[in-house]
C-alpha atoms as a PDB file:
ATOM      1  CA  UNK A   1      17.180  -7.353  14.026  1.00  0.00           C
ATOM      2  CA  UNK A   2      15.866 -10.522  15.648  1.00  0.00           C
ATOM      3  CA  UNK A   3      15.467 -13.875  13.954  1.00  0.00           C
ATOM      4  CA  UNK A   4      11.785 -13.042  13.615  1.00  0.00           C
ATOM      5  CA  UNK A   5      12.822 -10.132  11.399  1.00  0.00           C
ATOM      6  CA  UNK A   6      14.838 -12.366   9.076  1.00  0.00           C
ATOM      7  CA  UNK A   7      12.873 -13.087   5.925  1.00  0.00           C
ATOM      8  CA  UNK A   8      13.356 -15.403   3.000  1.00  0.00           C
ATOM      9  CA  UNK A   9      14.039 -13.605  -0.266  1.00  0.00           C
ATOM     10  CA  UNK A  10      13.526 -15.430  -3.556  1.00  0.00           C
ATOM     11  CA  UNK A  11      15.757 -14.248  -6.400  1.00  0.00           C
ATOM     12  CA  UNK A  12      14.507 -15.367  -9.816  1.00  0.00           C
ATOM     13  CA  UNK A  13      17.466 -14.719 -12.091  1.00  0.00           C
ATOM     14  CA  UNK A  14      19.067 -16.655 -14.959  1.00  0.00           C
ATOM     15  CA  UNK A  15      22.237 -14.554 -15.255  1.00  0.00           C
ATOM     16  CA  UNK A  16      24.987 -16.100 -13.100  1.00  0.00           C
ATOM     17  CA  UNK A  17      26.800 -12.756 -12.860  1.00  0.00           C
ATOM     18  CA  UNK A  18      23.700 -11.012 -11.485  1.00  0.00           C
ATOM     19  CA  UNK A  19      23.112 -13.867  -9.037  1.00  0.00           C
ATOM     20  CA  UNK A  20      26.699 -13.518  -7.812  1.00  0.00           C
ATOM     21  CA  UNK A  21      26.398  -9.724  -7.494  1.00  0.00           C
ATOM     22  CA  UNK A  22      23.154 -10.070  -5.519  1.00  0.00           C
ATOM     23  CA  UNK A  23      24.755 -12.610  -3.173  1.00  0.00           C
ATOM     24  CA  UNK A  24      27.750 -10.308  -2.753  1.00  0.00           C
ATOM     25  CA  UNK A  25      25.438  -7.365  -2.017  1.00  0.00           C
ATOM     26  CA  UNK A  26      23.757  -9.403   0.735  1.00  0.00           C
ATOM     27  CA  UNK A  27      27.165 -10.309   2.195  1.00  0.00           C
ATOM     28  CA  UNK A  28      28.680  -6.838   1.794  1.00  0.00           C
ATOM     29  CA  UNK A  29      25.813  -5.118   3.595  1.00  0.00           C
ATOM     30  CA  UNK A  30      25.525  -7.962   6.104  1.00  0.00           C
ATOM     31  CA  UNK A  31      21.912  -8.488   5.064  1.00  0.00           C
ATOM     32  CA  UNK A  32      20.745 -11.323   7.292  1.00  0.00           C
ATOM     33  CA  UNK A  33      17.783 -12.308   5.169  1.00  0.00           C
ATOM     34  CA  UNK A  34      18.039 -15.735   3.574  1.00  0.00           C
ATOM     35  CA  UNK A  35      18.520 -15.576  -0.197  1.00  0.00           C
ATOM     36  CA  UNK A  36      17.123 -18.431  -2.289  1.00  0.00           C
ATOM     37  CA  UNK A  37      17.880 -18.534  -6.004  1.00  0.00           C
ATOM     38  CA  UNK A  38      16.050 -20.150  -8.903  1.00  0.00           C
ATOM     39  CA  UNK A  39      17.181 -19.748 -12.495  1.00  0.00           C
ATOM     40  CA  UNK A  40      13.978 -19.731 -14.521  1.00  0.00           C
ATOM     41  CA  UNK A  41      10.289 -18.982 -14.286  1.00  0.00           C
ATOM     42  CA  UNK A  42       9.265 -22.625 -14.107  1.00  0.00           C
ATOM     43  CA  UNK A  43      11.478 -23.185 -11.039  1.00  0.00           C
ATOM     44  CA  UNK A  44      10.101 -19.972  -9.499  1.00  0.00           C
ATOM     45  CA  UNK A  45       6.527 -21.234  -9.753  1.00  0.00           C
ATOM     46  CA  UNK A  46       7.517 -24.655  -8.367  1.00  0.00           C
ATOM     47  CA  UNK A  47       9.332 -22.957  -5.449  1.00  0.00           C
ATOM     48  CA  UNK A  48       6.353 -20.726  -4.692  1.00  0.00           C
ATOM     49  CA  UNK A  49       3.866 -23.598  -4.968  1.00  0.00           C
ATOM     50  CA  UNK A  50       6.215 -25.916  -3.025  1.00  0.00           C
ATOM     51  CA  UNK A  51       6.206 -28.551  -5.743  1.00  0.00           C
ATOM     52  CA  UNK A  52       8.743 -31.275  -6.554  1.00  0.00           C
ATOM     53  CA  UNK A  53      12.238 -30.587  -5.220  1.00  0.00           C
ATOM     54  CA  UNK A  54      10.871 -27.415  -3.584  1.00  0.00           C
ATOM     55  CA  UNK A  55       8.294 -29.218  -1.413  1.00  0.00           C
ATOM     56  CA  UNK A  56       9.976 -27.887   1.736  1.00  0.00           C
ATOM     57  CA  UNK A  57      10.663 -24.385   0.373  1.00  0.00           C
ATOM     58  CA  UNK A  58       9.925 -21.506   2.727  1.00  0.00           C
ATOM     59  CA  UNK A  59       7.323 -18.908   1.795  1.00  0.00           C
ATOM     60  CA  UNK A  60       9.367 -15.890   0.706  1.00  0.00           C
ATOM     61  CA  UNK A  61       8.668 -12.492   2.215  1.00  0.00           C
ATOM     62  CA  UNK A  62      10.030 -10.783  -0.901  1.00  0.00           C
ATOM     63  CA  UNK A  63      10.630 -11.792  -4.522  1.00  0.00           C
ATOM     64  CA  UNK A  64      13.263 -10.205  -6.773  1.00  0.00           C
ATOM     65  CA  UNK A  65      12.108 -11.091 -10.284  1.00  0.00           C
ATOM     66  CA  UNK A  66      13.924 -10.733 -13.586  1.00  0.00           C
ATOM     67  CA  UNK A  67      11.607 -10.408 -16.594  1.00  0.00           C
ATOM     68  CA  UNK A  68      13.645 -12.118 -19.299  1.00  0.00           C
ATOM     69  CA  UNK A  69      13.766 -15.706 -18.114  1.00  0.00           C
ATOM     70  CA  UNK A  70      13.979 -19.071 -19.868  1.00  0.00           C
ATOM     71  CA  UNK A  71      11.096 -21.556 -19.866  1.00  0.00           C
ATOM     72  CA  UNK A  72       8.489 -19.327 -18.216  1.00  0.00           C
ATOM     73  CA  UNK A  73       8.927 -15.589 -18.720  1.00  0.00           C
ATOM     74  CA  UNK A  74       9.050 -13.281 -15.685  1.00  0.00           C
ATOM     75  CA  UNK A  75       5.896 -11.487 -16.844  1.00  0.00           C
ATOM     76  CA  UNK A  76       4.028 -14.789 -16.821  1.00  0.00           C
ATOM     77  CA  UNK A  77       5.440 -15.643 -13.369  1.00  0.00           C
ATOM     78  CA  UNK A  78       4.207 -12.263 -12.104  1.00  0.00           C
ATOM     79  CA  UNK A  79       0.745 -12.779 -13.642  1.00  0.00           C
ATOM     80  CA  UNK A  80       0.384 -16.272 -12.131  1.00  0.00           C
ATOM     81  CA  UNK A  81       1.711 -15.137  -8.766  1.00  0.00           C
ATOM     82  CA  UNK A  82      -0.678 -12.200  -8.467  1.00  0.00           C
ATOM     83  CA  UNK A  83      -3.582 -14.370  -9.681  1.00  0.00           C
ATOM     84  CA  UNK A  84      -3.040 -16.864  -6.838  1.00  0.00           C
ATOM     85  CA  UNK A  85      -4.888 -15.889  -3.614  1.00  0.00           C
ATOM     86  CA  UNK A  86      -2.222 -17.547  -1.439  1.00  0.00           C
ATOM     87  CA  UNK A  87       0.753 -15.938  -3.191  1.00  0.00           C
ATOM     88  CA  UNK A  88      -0.492 -12.525  -4.330  1.00  0.00           C
ATOM     89  CA  UNK A  89       0.402 -10.790  -1.066  1.00  0.00           C
ATOM     90  CA  UNK A  90       4.137 -11.503  -1.476  1.00  0.00           C
ATOM     91  CA  UNK A  91       5.815  -8.260  -2.581  1.00  0.00           C
ATOM     92  CA  UNK A  92       7.514  -8.514  -5.967  1.00  0.00           C
ATOM     93  CA  UNK A  93      10.304  -6.207  -7.084  1.00  0.00           C
ATOM     94  CA  UNK A  94      10.976  -6.517 -10.793  1.00  0.00           C
ATOM     95  CA  UNK A  95      14.763  -6.248 -11.058  1.00  0.00           C
ATOM     96  CA  UNK A  96      15.666  -6.288 -14.721  1.00  0.00           C
ATOM     97  CA  UNK A  97      17.885  -4.785 -17.398  1.00  0.00           C
ATOM     98  CA  UNK A  98      14.833  -3.716 -19.413  1.00  0.00           C
ATOM     99  CA  UNK A  99      14.060  -0.015 -19.372  1.00  0.00           C
ATOM    100  CA  UNK A 100      11.215  -0.475 -21.854  1.00  0.00           C
ATOM    101  CA  UNK A 101       8.158   1.647 -21.055  1.00  0.00           C
ATOM    102  CA  UNK A 102       6.011  -1.308 -22.165  1.00  0.00           C
ATOM    103  CA  UNK A 103       7.691  -3.607 -19.606  1.00  0.00           C
ATOM    104  CA  UNK A 104       7.331  -1.005 -16.855  1.00  0.00           C
ATOM    105  CA  UNK A 105       3.626  -0.422 -17.552  1.00  0.00           C
ATOM    106  CA  UNK A 106       2.910  -4.131 -17.945  1.00  0.00           C
ATOM    107  CA  UNK A 107       4.738  -5.016 -14.711  1.00  0.00           C
ATOM    108  CA  UNK A 108       2.744  -2.487 -12.714  1.00  0.00           C
ATOM    109  CA  UNK A 109      -0.509  -3.543 -14.394  1.00  0.00           C
ATOM    110  CA  UNK A 110       0.330  -7.090 -13.221  1.00  0.00           C
ATOM    111  CA  UNK A 111       0.672  -5.646  -9.685  1.00  0.00           C
ATOM    112  CA  UNK A 112       4.445  -5.587  -9.270  1.00  0.00           C
ATOM    113  CA  UNK A 113       5.278  -3.660  -6.101  1.00  0.00           C
ATOM    114  CA  UNK A 114       8.288  -1.937  -7.671  1.00  0.00           C
ATOM    115  CA  UNK A 115      10.204  -1.846 -10.945  1.00  0.00           C
ATOM    116  CA  UNK A 116      13.975  -1.358 -10.741  1.00  0.00           C
ATOM    117  CA  UNK A 117      16.381  -1.272 -13.677  1.00  0.00           C
ATOM    118  CA  UNK A 118      19.578  -3.138 -12.885  1.00  0.00           C
ATOM    119  CA  UNK A 119      22.602  -0.874 -12.892  1.00  0.00           C
ATOM    120  CA  UNK A 120      25.568  -2.290 -14.796  1.00  0.00           C
ATOM    121  CA  UNK A 121      28.044  -0.715 -12.377  1.00  0.00           C
ATOM    122  CA  UNK A 122      28.885  -3.178  -9.562  1.00  0.00           C
ATOM    123  CA  UNK A 123      28.939  -0.618  -6.726  1.00  0.00           C
ATOM    124  CA  UNK A 124      25.640   0.893  -7.857  1.00  0.00           C
ATOM    125  CA  UNK A 125      24.087  -2.586  -8.169  1.00  0.00           C
ATOM    126  CA  UNK A 126      25.103  -3.392  -4.592  1.00  0.00           C
ATOM    127  CA  UNK A 127      23.558  -0.118  -3.376  1.00  0.00           C
ATOM    128  CA  UNK A 128      20.310  -0.844  -5.247  1.00  0.00           C
ATOM    129  CA  UNK A 129      20.019  -4.282  -3.620  1.00  0.00           C
ATOM    130  CA  UNK A 130      20.702  -2.740  -0.206  1.00  0.00           C
ATOM    131  CA  UNK A 131      18.010  -0.101  -0.763  1.00  0.00           C
ATOM    132  CA  UNK A 132      15.473  -2.711  -1.882  1.00  0.00           C
ATOM    133  CA  UNK A 133      16.209  -4.840   1.167  1.00  0.00           C
ATOM    134  CA  UNK A 134      16.167  -1.861   3.495  1.00  0.00           C
ATOM    135  CA  UNK A 135      12.871  -0.561   2.150  1.00  0.00           C
ATOM    136  CA  UNK A 136      10.951  -3.824   1.981  1.00  0.00           C
ATOM    137  CA  UNK A 137      12.328  -5.312   5.172  1.00  0.00           C
ATOM    138  CA  UNK A 138      12.909  -2.333   7.444  1.00  0.00           C
ATOM    139  CA  UNK A 139      10.434   0.301   6.290  1.00  0.00           C
ATOM    140  CA  UNK A 140       7.476  -1.578   4.846  1.00  0.00           C
ATOM    141  CA  UNK A 141       5.297  -3.820   7.026  1.00  0.00           C
ATOM    142  CA  UNK A 142       4.990  -7.234   5.395  1.00  0.00           C
ATOM    143  CA  UNK A 143       2.328  -9.833   6.169  1.00  0.00           C
ATOM    144  CA  UNK A 144       3.575 -12.892   8.097  1.00  0.00           C
END
């Protein structure tokens, strides 16, 4: 992997434990992509729009989005993201504890690229993050 292959990944997650597990998964699998973390939907939109403290934020090549977020819900973040012509091409993987059929259908109707239920088991969680990274960074061609 060259530096050109390194992408910025935005994790939108309010659970500190899940943030830590995602960071550990990146380290464990020696994932070289840069992980940026915001803790609520409002921060996610500011990061993506490069507003306020995120004025110099990179454009992520992949977003890992939790649905149940404070301030601005993940569903609303997804809707706004996919409604924005400059942001809609960024792949979004919904990574959430919800296994609700309604959430799955709604996420895909809002043009999520994938819906993944978070495993509670640490080893399984790490494998899921590795598979997401491997698929979206190694297998899938992303726009630059």
